[in-house]
Protein backbone atom coordinates (compact mmCIF):
# COMPACT_ATOMS: atom_id res chain seq x y z
CA MET A 1 -11.06 -11.54 8.14
CA ASP A 2 -12.29 -11.85 5.23
CA THR A 3 -11.53 -15.03 2.84
CA PHE A 4 -10.13 -11.60 -0.06
CA PHE A 5 -7.93 -9.74 2.51
CA SER A 6 -6.60 -12.95 4.33
CA ASP A 7 -5.49 -13.88 0.18
CA TYR A 8 -4.01 -10.63 -0.33
CA VAL A 9 -2.58 -10.08 3.26
CA LYS A 10 -0.62 -13.76 1.60
CA TRP A 11 -0.18 -12.42 -1.68
CA GLN A 12 1.97 -9.11 -0.70
CA GLU A 13 3.72 -11.06 1.72
CA ILE A 14 4.65 -13.30 -1.15
CA VAL A 15 5.19 -9.59 -3.57
CA SER A 16 6.93 -7.01 -0.80
CA GLN A 17 10.30 -6.43 -1.19
CA TYR A 18 11.87 -3.82 1.08
CA PRO A 19 14.23 -4.19 3.82
CA VAL A 20 11.93 -5.08 7.41
CA THR A 21 14.08 -3.08 9.60
CA ALA A 22 12.61 -0.25 8.24
CA GLU A 23 9.16 -0.81 6.98
CA ASN A 24 7.33 1.68 9.29
CA TYR A 25 9.46 4.38 7.06
CA TYR A 26 9.24 2.41 3.89
CA LEU A 27 5.51 2.39 3.79
CA ALA A 28 4.79 6.05 5.22
CA LEU A 29 6.98 7.22 2.18
CA GLY A 30 5.53 4.72 0.24
CA LEU A 31 1.56 6.65 1.32
CA ALA A 32 2.64 10.09 1.24
CA ASP A 33 4.88 9.69 -2.55
CA GLU A 34 1.88 7.73 -4.21
CA TRP A 35 -0.97 10.22 -2.53
CA GLY A 36 1.72 12.71 -4.47
CA GLU A 37 1.06 10.86 -7.33
CA VAL A 38 -3.25 10.82 -7.22
CA CYS A 39 -3.12 14.75 -6.55
CA SER A 40 -0.98 14.88 -9.35
CA ALA A 41 -2.35 12.71 -11.43
CA ASN A 42 -3.73 14.27 -15.42
CA SER A 43 -6.24 12.00 -16.19
CA LEU A 44 -9.22 9.71 -15.08
CA ASP A 45 -6.92 6.71 -15.23
CA ASP A 46 -4.02 8.09 -13.73
CA ILE A 47 -5.62 8.33 -10.53
CA LYS A 48 -7.50 5.17 -10.60
CA LYS A 49 -3.98 3.63 -11.31
CA GLU A 50 -2.41 5.75 -8.71
CA LEU A 51 -5.43 5.02 -6.23
CA GLY A 52 -4.44 1.45 -6.93
CA ASP A 53 -0.70 1.91 -5.21
CA PHE A 54 -2.02 4.34 -3.04
CA CYS A 55 -4.20 1.91 -1.65
CA TRP A 56 -1.53 -0.90 -1.43
CA TYR A 57 0.34 0.60 0.43
CA LEU A 58 -2.35 1.61 2.72
CA PHE A 59 -3.34 -1.73 3.31
CA ARG A 60 0.20 -2.57 4.04
CA TYR A 61 0.62 -0.26 6.21
CA TYR A 62 -2.78 -0.82 8.83
CA ASN A 63 -1.17 -4.74 8.75
CA ARG A 64 2.08 -4.31 9.40
CA VAL A 65 2.53 -1.22 11.29
CA LEU A 66 -1.03 -0.42 13.07
CA ASN A 67 -1.52 -4.25 13.23
CA GLY A 68 -4.68 -4.58 11.47
CA ASP A 69 -7.12 -7.48 12.54
């Protein structure tokens, strides 16, 4: 895994705060919610912000639920 992604995974472990027992549901709902916000954004700046949030959930879901390497 690339150094950037390794560091990003470590950072996500530090900042993530949710019940691990509900991780699959939390991350899946987060993805859906953030995608909804991307779709309803009114400006390019809003789209960029929401895409950043969406990518956070996507990367976390990939690493924690799908066991990405």
